[in-house]
Amino acid sequence: MKASQINVVLAAVVLVVVLGYEAEVSVAVAAVTCNQSQLDSCKQPILFGTPPSKLCCTKMKQQKPCFCKYVKDPSLKKYITNPNAKKTAKKCGVPVPKC
Protein backbone atom coordinates (compact mmCIF):
# COMPACT_ATOMS: atom_id res chain seq x y z
CA MET A 1 0.00 0.00 0.00
CA LYS A 2 1.36 3.43 -0.91
CA ALA A 3 1.96 6.11 1.71
CA SER A 4 -0.85 8.26 0.30
CA GLN A 5 -3.30 5.36 0.56
CA ILE A 6 -2.24 4.71 4.15
CA ASN A 7 -2.80 8.39 4.99
CA VAL A 8 -6.31 8.25 3.49
CA VAL A 9 -7.15 5.11 5.48
CA LEU A 10 -5.79 6.64 8.71
CA ALA A 11 -7.76 9.84 8.10
CA ALA A 12 -10.92 7.80 7.56
CA VAL A 13 -10.35 5.85 10.78
CA VAL A 14 -9.78 9.05 12.76
CA LEU A 15 -12.95 10.57 11.28
CA VAL A 16 -15.02 7.52 12.23
CA VAL A 17 -13.65 7.57 15.79
CA VAL A 18 -14.32 11.30 16.21
CA LEU A 19 -17.83 11.09 14.79
CA GLY A 20 -18.59 8.06 16.94
CA TYR A 21 -17.41 9.87 20.06
CA GLU A 22 -19.50 12.95 19.25
CA ALA A 23 -22.56 10.76 18.69
CA GLU A 24 -22.07 9.10 22.10
CA VAL A 25 -21.75 12.47 23.82
CA SER A 26 -24.88 13.78 22.06
CA VAL A 27 -26.89 10.75 23.10
CA ALA A 28 -25.70 11.02 26.70
CA VAL A 29 -26.59 14.71 26.92
CA ALA A 30 -29.91 14.23 25.16
CA ALA A 31 -30.88 11.51 27.66
CA VAL A 32 -30.81 13.95 30.61
CA THR A 33 -34.15 15.34 31.70
CA CYS A 34 -33.64 18.60 33.57
CA ASN A 35 -35.63 18.31 36.77
CA GLN A 36 -34.38 20.17 39.83
CA SER A 37 -36.30 17.80 42.13
CA GLN A 38 -33.71 15.19 41.12
CA LEU A 39 -31.35 17.16 43.38
CA ASP A 40 -33.55 16.84 46.49
CA SER A 41 -30.98 14.50 48.04
CA CYS A 42 -28.52 17.43 47.89
CA LYS A 43 -30.63 19.90 49.89
CA GLN A 44 -28.83 19.38 53.20
CA PRO A 45 -25.32 19.68 51.73
CA ILE A 46 -26.27 22.74 49.67
CA LEU A 47 -28.17 24.53 52.44
CA PHE A 48 -26.10 23.53 55.47
CA GLY A 49 -22.75 22.27 54.15
CA THR A 50 -23.18 18.68 55.34
CA PRO A 51 -21.28 15.97 53.43
CA PRO A 52 -23.10 14.82 50.28
CA SER A 53 -24.46 11.29 50.08
CA LYS A 54 -23.66 8.91 47.23
CA LEU A 55 -27.18 9.49 45.93
CA CYS A 56 -26.63 13.25 45.95
CA CYS A 57 -23.39 12.88 43.99
CA THR A 58 -25.01 10.52 41.49
CA LYS A 59 -27.90 12.91 40.92
CA MET A 60 -25.56 15.88 40.69
CA LYS A 61 -23.52 14.12 38.01
CA GLN A 62 -26.71 13.29 36.10
CA GLN A 63 -28.05 16.84 36.32
CA LYS A 64 -24.73 18.58 35.50
CA PRO A 65 -25.79 19.40 31.90
CA CYS A 66 -28.74 21.31 33.41
CA PHE A 67 -26.79 23.55 35.81
CA CYS A 68 -26.64 26.54 33.45
CA LYS A 69 -30.39 26.27 32.90
CA TYR A 70 -30.92 26.26 36.66
CA VAL A 71 -28.67 29.32 37.12
CA LYS A 72 -30.87 31.24 34.67
CA ASP A 73 -33.98 30.44 36.74
CA PRO A 74 -34.32 33.22 39.36
CA SER A 75 -35.95 30.86 41.86
CA LEU A 76 -33.04 28.38 41.64
CA LYS A 77 -30.05 30.64 41.04
CA LYS A 78 -29.47 31.35 44.75
CA TYR A 79 -29.11 27.62 45.42
CA ILE A 80 -26.89 26.82 42.45
CA THR A 81 -24.53 29.76 43.08
CA ASN A 82 -24.45 29.14 46.85
CA PRO A 83 -20.87 28.47 48.11
CA ASN A 84 -22.08 25.19 49.66
CA ALA A 85 -23.38 24.08 46.25
CA LYS A 86 -19.91 24.62 44.81
CA LYS A 87 -18.34 22.70 47.72
CA THR A 88 -20.84 19.87 47.27
CA ALA A 89 -20.11 19.70 43.55
CA LYS A 90 -16.37 19.60 44.25
CA LYS A 91 -16.79 16.83 46.84
CA CYS A 92 -18.83 14.88 44.29
CA GLY A 93 -16.19 15.38 41.59
CA VAL A 94 -18.55 17.46 39.45
CA PRO A 95 -16.91 20.48 37.82
CA VAL A 96 -18.98 23.64 38.08
CA PRO A 97 -19.62 24.92 34.55
CA LYS A 98 -18.97 28.50 33.47
CA CYS A 99 -22.34 29.69 32.19
PDB file of N, CA and C in Angstrom:
ATOM      1  N   MET A   1       0.846  -1.165   0.000  1.00  0.00           N
ATOM      2  CA  MET A   1       0.000   0.000   0.000  1.00  0.00           C
ATOM      3  C   MET A   1       0.899   1.238   0.000  1.00  0.00           C
ATOM      4  N   LYS A   2       0.571   2.212  -0.809  1.00  0.00           N
ATOM      5  CA  LYS A   2       1.358   3.432  -0.909  1.00  0.00           C
ATOM      6  C   LYS A   2       1.114   4.313   0.311  1.00  0.00           C
ATOM      7  N   ALA A   3       2.061   5.205   0.562  1.00  0.00           N
ATOM      8  CA  ALA A   3       1.963   6.113   1.706  1.00  0.00           C
ATOM      9  C   ALA A   3       0.704   6.973   1.628  1.00  0.00           C
ATOM     10  N   SER A   4       0.342   7.424   0.440  1.00  0.00           N
ATOM     11  CA  SER A   4      -0.853   8.265   0.305  1.00  0.00           C
ATOM     12  C   SER A   4      -2.121   7.469   0.623  1.00  0.00           C
ATOM     13  N   GLN A   5      -2.142   6.194   0.252  1.00  0.00           N
ATOM     14  CA  GLN A   5      -3.300   5.359   0.563  1.00  0.00           C
ATOM     15  C   GLN A   5      -3.401   5.113   2.072  1.00  0.00           C
ATOM     16  N   ILE A   6      -2.260   4.922   2.705  1.00  0.00           N
ATOM     17  CA  ILE A   6      -2.238   4.712   4.153  1.00  0.00           C
ATOM     18  C   ILE A   6      -2.754   5.961   4.865  1.00  0.00           C
ATOM     19  N   ASN A   7      -2.338   7.131   4.387  1.00  0.00           N
ATOM     20  CA  ASN A   7      -2.804   8.385   4.990  1.00  0.00           C
ATOM     21  C   ASN A   7      -4.313   8.540   4.851  1.00  0.00           C
ATOM     22  N   VAL A   8      -4.860   8.159   3.711  1.00  0.00           N
ATOM     23  CA  VAL A   8      -6.305   8.249   3.488  1.00  0.00           C
ATOM     24  C   VAL A   8      -7.038   7.302   4.441  1.00  0.00           C
ATOM     25  N   VAL A   9      -6.528   6.088   4.581  1.00  0.00           N
ATOM     26  CA  VAL A   9      -7.148   5.106   5.477  1.00  0.00           C
ATOM     27  C   VAL A   9      -7.082   5.605   6.922  1.00  0.00           C
ATOM     28  N   LEU A  10      -5.927   6.124   7.342  1.00  0.00           N
ATOM     29  CA  LEU A  10      -5.791   6.643   8.705  1.00  0.00           C
ATOM     30  C   LEU A  10      -6.734   7.820   8.948  1.00  0.00           C
ATOM     31  N   ALA A  11      -6.847   8.704   7.974  1.00  0.00           N
ATOM     32  CA  ALA A  11      -7.757   9.842   8.105  1.00  0.00           C
ATOM     33  C   ALA A  11      -9.201   9.361   8.242  1.00  0.00           C
ATOM     34  N   ALA A  12      -9.565   8.347   7.486  1.00  0.00           N
ATOM     35  CA  ALA A  12     -10.921   7.802   7.555  1.00  0.00           C
ATOM     36  C   ALA A  12     -11.187   7.184   8.930  1.00  0.00           C
ATOM     37  N   VAL A  13     -10.202   6.468   9.460  1.00  0.00           N
ATOM     38  CA  VAL A  13     -10.351   5.845  10.777  1.00  0.00           C
ATOM     39  C   VAL A  13     -10.516   6.923  11.850  1.00  0.00           C
ATOM     40  N   VAL A  14      -9.690   7.957  11.788  1.00  0.00           N
ATOM     41  CA  VAL A  14      -9.784   9.047  12.757  1.00  0.00           C
ATOM     42  C   VAL A  14     -11.156   9.714  12.670  1.00  0.00           C
ATOM     43  N   LEU A  15     -11.644   9.941  11.477  1.00  0.00           N
ATOM     44  CA  LEU A  15     -12.949  10.569  11.281  1.00  0.00           C
ATOM     45  C   LEU A  15     -14.061   9.721  11.898  1.00  0.00           C
ATOM     46  N   VAL A  16     -14.009   8.424  11.681  1.00  0.00           N
ATOM     47  CA  VAL A  16     -15.024   7.519  12.231  1.00  0.00           C
ATOM     48  C   VAL A  16     -14.987   7.549  13.759  1.00  0.00           C
ATOM     49  N   VAL A  17     -13.786   7.542  14.330  1.00  0.00           N
ATOM     50  CA  VAL A  17     -13.654   7.571  15.788  1.00  0.00           C
ATOM     51  C   VAL A  17     -14.209   8.877  16.347  1.00  0.00           C
ATOM     52  N   VAL A  18     -13.846   9.997  15.736  1.00  0.00           N
ATOM     53  CA  VAL A  18     -14.317  11.300  16.208  1.00  0.00           C
ATOM     54  C   VAL A  18     -15.833  11.403  16.088  1.00  0.00           C
ATOM     55  N   LEU A  19     -16.384  11.021  14.974  1.00  0.00           N
ATOM     56  CA  LEU A  19     -17.835  11.091  14.787  1.00  0.00           C
ATOM     57  C   LEU A  19     -18.559  10.163  15.754  1.00  0.00           C
ATOM     58  N   GLY A  20     -17.999   8.996  15.987  1.00  0.00           N
ATOM     59  CA  GLY A  20     -18.595   8.060  16.937  1.00  0.00           C
ATOM     60  C   GLY A  20     -18.594   8.615  18.340  1.00  0.00           C
ATOM     61  N   TYR A  21     -17.498   9.266  18.734  1.00  0.00           N
ATOM     62  CA  TYR A  21     -17.408   9.874  20.062  1.00  0.00           C
ATOM     63  C   TYR A  21     -18.433  10.988  20.198  1.00  0.00           C
ATOM     64  N   GLU A  22     -18.538  11.853  19.196  1.00  0.00           N
ATOM     65  CA  GLU A  22     -19.505  12.951  19.248  1.00  0.00           C
ATOM     66  C   GLU A  22     -20.931  12.419  19.330  1.00  0.00           C
ATOM     67  N   ALA A  23     -21.223  11.342  18.641  1.00  0.00           N
ATOM     68  CA  ALA A  23     -22.563  10.755  18.686  1.00  0.00           C
ATOM     69  C   ALA A  23     -22.867  10.237  20.089  1.00  0.00           C
ATOM     70  N   GLU A  24     -21.873   9.600  20.745  1.00  0.00           N
ATOM     71  CA  GLU A  24     -22.071   9.096  22.100  1.00  0.00           C
ATOM     72  C   GLU A  24     -22.330  10.241  23.063  1.00  0.00           C
ATOM     73  N   VAL A  25     -21.572  11.322  22.941  1.00  0.00           N
ATOM     74  CA  VAL A  25     -21.753  12.471  23.816  1.00  0.00           C
ATOM     75  C   VAL A  25     -23.130  13.080  23.600  1.00  0.00           C
ATOM     76  N   SER A  26     -23.561  13.204  22.358  1.00  0.00           N
ATOM     77  CA  SER A  26     -24.875  13.778  22.063  1.00  0.00           C
ATOM     78  C   SER A  26     -25.989  12.939  22.659  1.00  0.00           C
ATOM     79  N   VAL A  27     -25.872  11.635  22.547  1.00  0.00           N
ATOM     80  CA  VAL A  27     -26.894  10.747  23.096  1.00  0.00           C
ATOM     81  C   VAL A  27     -26.924  10.868  24.613  1.00  0.00           C
ATOM     82  N   ALA A  28     -25.751  10.924  25.249  1.00  0.00           N
ATOM     83  CA  ALA A  28     -25.698  11.023  26.705  1.00  0.00           C
ATOM     84  C   ALA A  28     -26.321  12.325  27.185  1.00  0.00           C
ATOM     85  N   VAL A  29     -26.029  13.428  26.522  1.00  0.00           N
ATOM     86  CA  VAL A  29     -26.586  14.714  26.920  1.00  0.00           C
ATOM     87  C   VAL A  29     -28.083  14.753  26.644  1.00  0.00           C
ATOM     88  N   ALA A  30     -28.494  14.206  25.521  1.00  0.00           N
ATOM     89  CA  ALA A  30     -29.909  14.226  25.156  1.00  0.00           C
ATOM     90  C   ALA A  30     -30.747  13.393  26.124  1.00  0.00           C
ATOM     91  N   ALA A  31     -30.144  12.397  26.771  1.00  0.00           N
ATOM     92  CA  ALA A  31     -30.880  11.511  27.655  1.00  0.00           C
ATOM     93  C   ALA A  31     -31.208  12.166  29.000  1.00  0.00           C
ATOM     94  N   VAL A  32     -30.574  13.291  29.329  1.00  0.00           N
ATOM     95  CA  VAL A  32     -30.807  13.954  30.605  1.00  0.00           C
ATOM     96  C   VAL A  32     -32.101  14.760  30.555  1.00  0.00           C
ATOM     97  N   THR A  33     -32.949  14.535  31.546  1.00  0.00           N
ATOM     98  CA  THR A  33     -34.154  15.340  31.701  1.00  0.00           C
ATOM     99  C   THR A  33     -33.885  16.307  32.843  1.00  0.00           C
ATOM    100  N   CYS A  34     -33.898  17.595  32.541  1.00  0.00           N
ATOM    101  CA  CYS A  34     -33.637  18.602  33.567  1.00  0.00           C
ATOM    102  C   CYS A  34     -34.827  18.690  34.511  1.00  0.00           C
ATOM    103  N   ASN A  35     -34.583  18.298  35.750  1.00  0.00           N
ATOM    104  CA  ASN A  35     -35.625  18.312  36.771  1.00  0.00           C
ATOM    105  C   ASN A  35     -34.943  18.579  38.107  1.00  0.00           C
ATOM    106  N   GLN A  36     -35.084  19.793  38.611  1.00  0.00           N
ATOM    107  CA  GLN A  36     -34.384  20.170  39.831  1.00  0.00           C
ATOM    108  C   GLN A  36     -34.762  19.305  41.024  1.00  0.00           C
ATOM    109  N   SER A  37     -35.919  18.681  41.012  1.00  0.00           N
ATOM    110  CA  SER A  37     -36.295  17.805  42.128  1.00  0.00           C
ATOM    111  C   SER A  37     -35.395  16.574  42.194  1.00  0.00           C
ATOM    112  N   GLN A  38     -34.681  16.290  41.103  1.00  0.00           N
ATOM    113  CA  GLN A  38     -33.712  15.193  41.121  1.00  0.00           C
ATOM    114  C   GLN A  38     -32.565  15.489  42.093  1.00  0.00           C
ATOM    115  N   LEU A  39     -32.419  16.758  42.461  1.00  0.00           N
ATOM    116  CA  LEU A  39     -31.349  17.156  43.376  1.00  0.00           C
ATOM    117  C   LEU A  39     -31.827  17.277  44.826  1.00  0.00           C
ATOM    118  N   ASP A  40     -33.021  16.768  45.126  1.00  0.00           N
ATOM    119  CA  ASP A  40     -33.550  16.842  46.492  1.00  0.00           C
ATOM    120  C   ASP A  40     -32.606  16.208  47.515  1.00  0.00           C
ATOM    121  N   SER A  41     -31.909  15.166  47.116  1.00  0.00           N
ATOM    122  CA  SER A  41     -30.981  14.503  48.039  1.00  0.00           C
ATOM    123  C   SER A  41     -29.772  15.385  48.358  1.00  0.00           C
ATOM    124  N   CYS A  42     -29.636  16.500  47.667  1.00  0.00           N
ATOM    125  CA  CYS A  42     -28.517  17.431  47.891  1.00  0.00           C
ATOM    126  C   CYS A  42     -28.929  18.662  48.700  1.00  0.00           C
ATOM    127  N   LYS A  43     -30.169  18.711  49.165  1.00  0.00           N
ATOM    128  CA  LYS A  43     -30.634  19.902  49.894  1.00  0.00           C
ATOM    129  C   LYS A  43     -29.795  20.182  51.134  1.00  0.00           C
ATOM    130  N   GLN A  44     -29.585  19.176  51.963  1.00  0.00           N
ATOM    131  CA  GLN A  44     -28.826  19.381  53.203  1.00  0.00           C
ATOM    132  C   GLN A  44     -27.394  19.851  52.919  1.00  0.00           C
ATOM    133  N   PRO A  45     -26.675  19.189  52.028  1.00  0.00           N
ATOM    134  CA  PRO A  45     -25.315  19.677  51.730  1.00  0.00           C
ATOM    135  C   PRO A  45     -25.297  21.097  51.161  1.00  0.00           C
ATOM    136  N   ILE A  46     -26.250  21.417  50.299  1.00  0.00           N
ATOM    137  CA  ILE A  46     -26.267  22.744  49.673  1.00  0.00           C
ATOM    138  C   ILE A  46     -26.695  23.819  50.670  1.00  0.00           C
ATOM    139  N   LEU A  47     -27.683  23.526  51.494  1.00  0.00           N
ATOM    140  CA  LEU A  47     -28.174  24.533  52.436  1.00  0.00           C
ATOM    141  C   LEU A  47     -27.313  24.655  53.692  1.00  0.00           C
ATOM    142  N   PHE A  48     -26.781  23.522  54.172  1.00  0.00           N
ATOM    143  CA  PHE A  48     -26.100  23.530  55.467  1.00  0.00           C
ATOM    144  C   PHE A  48     -24.643  23.071  55.431  1.00  0.00           C
ATOM    145  N   GLY A  49     -24.156  22.668  54.275  1.00  0.00           N
ATOM    146  CA  GLY A  49     -22.753  22.273  54.150  1.00  0.00           C
ATOM    147  C   GLY A  49     -22.425  20.890  54.682  1.00  0.00           C
ATOM    148  N   THR A  50     -23.438  20.050  54.885  1.00  0.00           N
ATOM    149  CA  THR A  50     -23.183  18.678  55.341  1.00  0.00           C
ATOM    150  C   THR A  50     -22.570  17.871  54.196  1.00  0.00           C
ATOM    151  N   PRO A  51     -21.869  16.784  54.500  1.00  0.00           N
ATOM    152  CA  PRO A  51     -21.277  15.974  53.426  1.00  0.00           C
ATOM    153  C   PRO A  51     -22.357  15.386  52.514  1.00  0.00           C
ATOM    154  N   PRO A  52     -22.114  15.381  51.208  1.00  0.00           N
ATOM    155  CA  PRO A  52     -23.105  14.824  50.279  1.00  0.00           C
ATOM    156  C   PRO A  52     -23.130  13.298  50.334  1.00  0.00           C
ATOM    157  N   SER A  53     -24.310  12.744  50.142  1.00  0.00           N
ATOM    158  CA  SER A  53     -24.460  11.288  50.079  1.00  0.00           C
ATOM    159  C   SER A  53     -24.068  10.800  48.686  1.00  0.00           C
ATOM    160  N   LYS A  54     -23.934   9.489  48.553  1.00  0.00           N
ATOM    161  CA  LYS A  54     -23.656   8.913  47.232  1.00  0.00           C
ATOM    162  C   LYS A  54     -24.793   9.227  46.272  1.00  0.00           C
ATOM    163  N   LEU A  55     -26.027   9.183  46.774  1.00  0.00           N
ATOM    164  CA  LEU A  55     -27.184   9.490  45.932  1.00  0.00           C
ATOM    165  C   LEU A  55     -27.111  10.935  45.442  1.00  0.00           C
ATOM    166  N   CYS A  56     -26.770  11.845  46.333  1.00  0.00           N
ATOM    167  CA  CYS A  56     -26.634  13.252  45.950  1.00  0.00           C
ATOM    168  C   CYS A  56     -25.602  13.390  44.832  1.00  0.00           C
ATOM    169  N   CYS A  57     -24.449  12.775  45.001  1.00  0.00           N
ATOM    170  CA  CYS A  57     -23.388  12.878  43.986  1.00  0.00           C
ATOM    171  C   CYS A  57     -23.826  12.271  42.658  1.00  0.00           C
ATOM    172  N   THR A  58     -24.516  11.153  42.722  1.00  0.00           N
ATOM    173  CA  THR A  58     -25.008  10.521  41.494  1.00  0.00           C
ATOM    174  C   THR A  58     -25.978  11.446  40.775  1.00  0.00           C
ATOM    175  N   LYS A  59     -26.912  12.004  41.521  1.00  0.00           N
ATOM    176  CA  LYS A  59     -27.904  12.905  40.923  1.00  0.00           C
ATOM    177  C   LYS A  59     -27.246  14.178  40.401  1.00  0.00           C
ATOM    178  N   MET A  60     -26.254  14.675  41.123  1.00  0.00           N
ATOM    179  CA  MET A  60     -25.563  15.884  40.686  1.00  0.00           C
ATOM    180  C   MET A  60     -24.830  15.632  39.363  1.00  0.00           C
ATOM    181  N   LYS A  61     -24.207  14.470  39.258  1.00  0.00           N
ATOM    182  CA  LYS A  61     -23.520  14.121  38.005  1.00  0.00           C
ATOM    183  C   LYS A  61     -24.521  14.004  36.856  1.00  0.00           C
ATOM    184  N   GLN A  62     -25.683  13.437  37.135  1.00  0.00           N
ATOM    185  CA  GLN A  62     -26.706  13.292  36.096  1.00  0.00           C
ATOM    186  C   GLN A  62     -27.274  14.639  35.662  1.00  0.00           C
ATOM    187  N   GLN A  63     -27.425  15.552  36.596  1.00  0.00           N
ATOM    188  CA  GLN A  63     -28.045  16.844  36.317  1.00  0.00           C
ATOM    189  C   GLN A  63     -27.042  17.920  35.887  1.00  0.00           C
ATOM    190  N   LYS A  64     -25.755  17.597  35.860  1.00  0.00           N
ATOM    191  CA  LYS A  64     -24.726  18.578  35.496  1.00  0.00           C
ATOM    192  C   LYS A  64     -25.025  19.319  34.197  1.00  0.00           C
ATOM    193  N   PRO A  65     -25.496  18.654  33.137  1.00  0.00           N
ATOM    194  CA  PRO A  65     -25.793  19.400  31.901  1.00  0.00           C
ATOM    195  C   PRO A  65     -26.892  20.450  32.077  1.00  0.00           C
ATOM    196  N   CYS A  66     -27.621  20.386  33.181  1.00  0.00           N
ATOM    197  CA  CYS A  66     -28.741  21.309  33.415  1.00  0.00           C
ATOM    198  C   CYS A  66     -28.360  22.501  34.282  1.00  0.00           C
ATOM    199  N   PHE A  67     -27.155  22.512  34.853  1.00  0.00           N
ATOM    200  CA  PHE A  67     -26.787  23.550  35.814  1.00  0.00           C
ATOM    201  C   PHE A  67     -26.944  24.960  35.256  1.00  0.00           C
ATOM    202  N   CYS A  68     -26.527  25.190  34.020  1.00  0.00           N
ATOM    203  CA  CYS A  68     -26.640  26.540  33.445  1.00  0.00           C
ATOM    204  C   CYS A  68     -28.111  26.947  33.299  1.00  0.00           C
ATOM    205  N   LYS A  69     -28.950  25.984  32.986  1.00  0.00           N
ATOM    206  CA  LYS A  69     -30.393  26.269  32.902  1.00  0.00           C
ATOM    207  C   LYS A  69     -30.921  26.665  34.279  1.00  0.00           C
ATOM    208  N   TYR A  70     -30.471  25.962  35.308  1.00  0.00           N
ATOM    209  CA  TYR A  70     -30.916  26.259  36.661  1.00  0.00           C
ATOM    210  C   TYR A  70     -30.439  27.641  37.112  1.00  0.00           C
ATOM    211  N   VAL A  71     -29.216  28.014  36.746  1.00  0.00           N
ATOM    212  CA  VAL A  71     -28.673  29.323  37.124  1.00  0.00           C
ATOM    213  C   VAL A  71     -29.505  30.449  36.517  1.00  0.00           C
ATOM    214  N   LYS A  72     -30.059  30.213  35.342  1.00  0.00           N
ATOM    215  CA  LYS A  72     -30.867  31.238  34.670  1.00  0.00           C
ATOM    216  C   LYS A  72     -32.266  31.373  35.272  1.00  0.00           C
ATOM    217  N   ASP A  73     -32.671  30.404  36.082  1.00  0.00           N
ATOM    218  CA  ASP A  73     -33.981  30.444  36.737  1.00  0.00           C
ATOM    219  C   ASP A  73     -33.835  31.226  38.048  1.00  0.00           C
ATOM    220  N   PRO A  74     -34.473  32.396  38.158  1.00  0.00           N
ATOM    221  CA  PRO A  74     -34.318  33.225  39.360  1.00  0.00           C
ATOM    222  C   PRO A  74     -34.656  32.501  40.664  1.00  0.00           C
ATOM    223  N   SER A  75     -35.581  31.569  40.630  1.00  0.00           N
ATOM    224  CA  SER A  75     -35.951  30.861  41.860  1.00  0.00           C
ATOM    225  C   SER A  75     -34.918  29.806  42.260  1.00  0.00           C
ATOM    226  N   LEU A  76     -34.050  29.404  41.344  1.00  0.00           N
ATOM    227  CA  LEU A  76     -33.045  28.378  41.635  1.00  0.00           C
ATOM    228  C   LEU A  76     -31.631  28.933  41.734  1.00  0.00           C
ATOM    229  N   LYS A  77     -31.400  30.086  41.133  1.00  0.00           N
ATOM    230  CA  LYS A  77     -30.045  30.642  41.044  1.00  0.00           C
ATOM    231  C   LYS A  77     -29.357  30.730  42.404  1.00  0.00           C
ATOM    232  N   LYS A  78     -30.089  31.175  43.430  1.00  0.00           N
ATOM    233  CA  LYS A  78     -29.474  31.351  44.748  1.00  0.00           C
ATOM    234  C   LYS A  78     -28.960  30.033  45.329  1.00  0.00           C
ATOM    235  N   TYR A  79     -29.565  28.923  44.928  1.00  0.00           N
ATOM    236  CA  TYR A  79     -29.113  27.621  45.416  1.00  0.00           C
ATOM    237  C   TYR A  79     -27.918  27.110  44.615  1.00  0.00           C
ATOM    238  N   ILE A  80     -27.957  27.324  43.319  1.00  0.00           N
ATOM    239  CA  ILE A  80     -26.894  26.824  42.446  1.00  0.00           C
ATOM    240  C   ILE A  80     -25.605  27.621  42.638  1.00  0.00           C
ATOM    241  N   THR A  81     -25.722  28.919  42.902  1.00  0.00           N
ATOM    242  CA  THR A  81     -24.532  29.760  43.077  1.00  0.00           C
ATOM    243  C   THR A  81     -24.079  29.841  44.536  1.00  0.00           C
ATOM    244  N   ASN A  82     -24.786  29.211  45.430  1.00  0.00           N
ATOM    245  CA  ASN A  82     -24.453  29.144  46.847  1.00  0.00           C
ATOM    246  C   ASN A  82     -23.062  28.514  47.018  1.00  0.00           C
ATOM    247  N   PRO A  83     -22.201  29.065  47.896  1.00  0.00           N
ATOM    248  CA  PRO A  83     -20.872  28.465  48.106  1.00  0.00           C
ATOM    249  C   PRO A  83     -20.933  26.991  48.508  1.00  0.00           C
ATOM    250  N   ASN A  84     -21.952  26.605  49.279  1.00  0.00           N
ATOM    251  CA  ASN A  84     -22.078  25.193  49.660  1.00  0.00           C
ATOM    252  C   ASN A  84     -22.388  24.313  48.455  1.00  0.00           C
ATOM    253  N   ALA A  85     -23.100  24.851  47.469  1.00  0.00           N
ATOM    254  CA  ALA A  85     -23.379  24.080  46.253  1.00  0.00           C
ATOM    255  C   ALA A  85     -22.077  23.802  45.514  1.00  0.00           C
ATOM    256  N   LYS A  86     -21.210  24.801  45.469  1.00  0.00           N
ATOM    257  CA  LYS A  86     -19.912  24.617  44.807  1.00  0.00           C
ATOM    258  C   LYS A  86     -19.053  23.608  45.568  1.00  0.00           C
ATOM    259  N   LYS A  87     -19.086  23.671  46.902  1.00  0.00           N
ATOM    260  CA  LYS A  87     -18.342  22.705  47.721  1.00  0.00           C
ATOM    261  C   LYS A  87     -18.889  21.292  47.514  1.00  0.00           C
ATOM    262  N   THR A  88     -20.202  21.180  47.471  1.00  0.00           N
ATOM    263  CA  THR A  88     -20.835  19.875  47.265  1.00  0.00           C
ATOM    264  C   THR A  88     -20.438  19.309  45.913  1.00  0.00           C
ATOM    265  N   ALA A  89     -20.495  20.142  44.886  1.00  0.00           N
ATOM    266  CA  ALA A  89     -20.109  19.695  43.545  1.00  0.00           C
ATOM    267  C   ALA A  89     -18.659  19.223  43.543  1.00  0.00           C
ATOM    268  N   LYS A  90     -17.793  19.975  44.201  1.00  0.00           N
ATOM    269  CA  LYS A  90     -16.372  19.602  44.252  1.00  0.00           C
ATOM    270  C   LYS A  90     -16.189  18.262  44.969  1.00  0.00           C
ATOM    271  N   LYS A  91     -16.884  18.084  46.096  1.00  0.00           N
ATOM    272  CA  LYS A  91     -16.786  16.826  46.843  1.00  0.00           C
ATOM    273  C   LYS A  91     -17.306  15.648  46.024  1.00  0.00           C
ATOM    274  N   CYS A  92     -18.263  15.928  45.139  1.00  0.00           N
ATOM    275  CA  CYS A  92     -18.829  14.877  44.285  1.00  0.00           C
ATOM    276  C   CYS A  92     -18.011  14.675  43.005  1.00  0.00           C
ATOM    277  N   GLY A  93     -17.003  15.509  42.799  1.00  0.00           N
ATOM    278  CA  GLY A  93     -16.195  15.384  41.586  1.00  0.00           C
ATOM    279  C   GLY A  93     -16.898  15.916  40.350  1.00  0.00           C
ATOM    280  N   VAL A  94     -17.797  16.870  40.556  1.00  0.00           N
ATOM    281  CA  VAL A  94     -18.551  17.456  39.450  1.00  0.00           C
ATOM    282  C   VAL A  94     -18.031  18.874  39.214  1.00  0.00           C
ATOM    283  N   PRO A  95     -17.392  19.120  38.074  1.00  0.00           N
ATOM    284  CA  PRO A  95     -16.911  20.478  37.815  1.00  0.00           C
ATOM    285  C   PRO A  95     -18.075  21.448  37.624  1.00  0.00           C
ATOM    286  N   VAL A  96     -17.940  22.620  38.214  1.00  0.00           N
ATOM    287  CA  VAL A  96     -18.976  23.645  38.080  1.00  0.00           C
ATOM    288  C   VAL A  96     -18.769  24.338  36.739  1.00  0.00           C
ATOM    289  N   PRO A  97     -19.788  24.323  35.882  1.00  0.00           N
ATOM    290  CA  PRO A  97     -19.620  24.922  34.550  1.00  0.00           C
ATOM    291  C   PRO A  97     -19.602  26.445  34.609  1.00  0.00           C
ATOM    292  N   LYS A  98     -18.935  27.038  33.647  1.00  0.00           N
ATOM    293  CA  LYS A  98     -18.969  28.497  33.469  1.00  0.00           C
ATOM    294  C   LYS A  98     -20.124  28.770  32.523  1.00  0.00           C
ATOM    295  N   CYS A  99     -21.139  29.442  33.009  1.00  0.00           N
ATOM    296  CA  CYS A  99     -22.337  29.687  32.193  1.00  0.00           C
ATOM    297  C   CYS A  99     -22.306  31.073  31.573  1.00  0.00           C
TER     298      CYS A  99
END
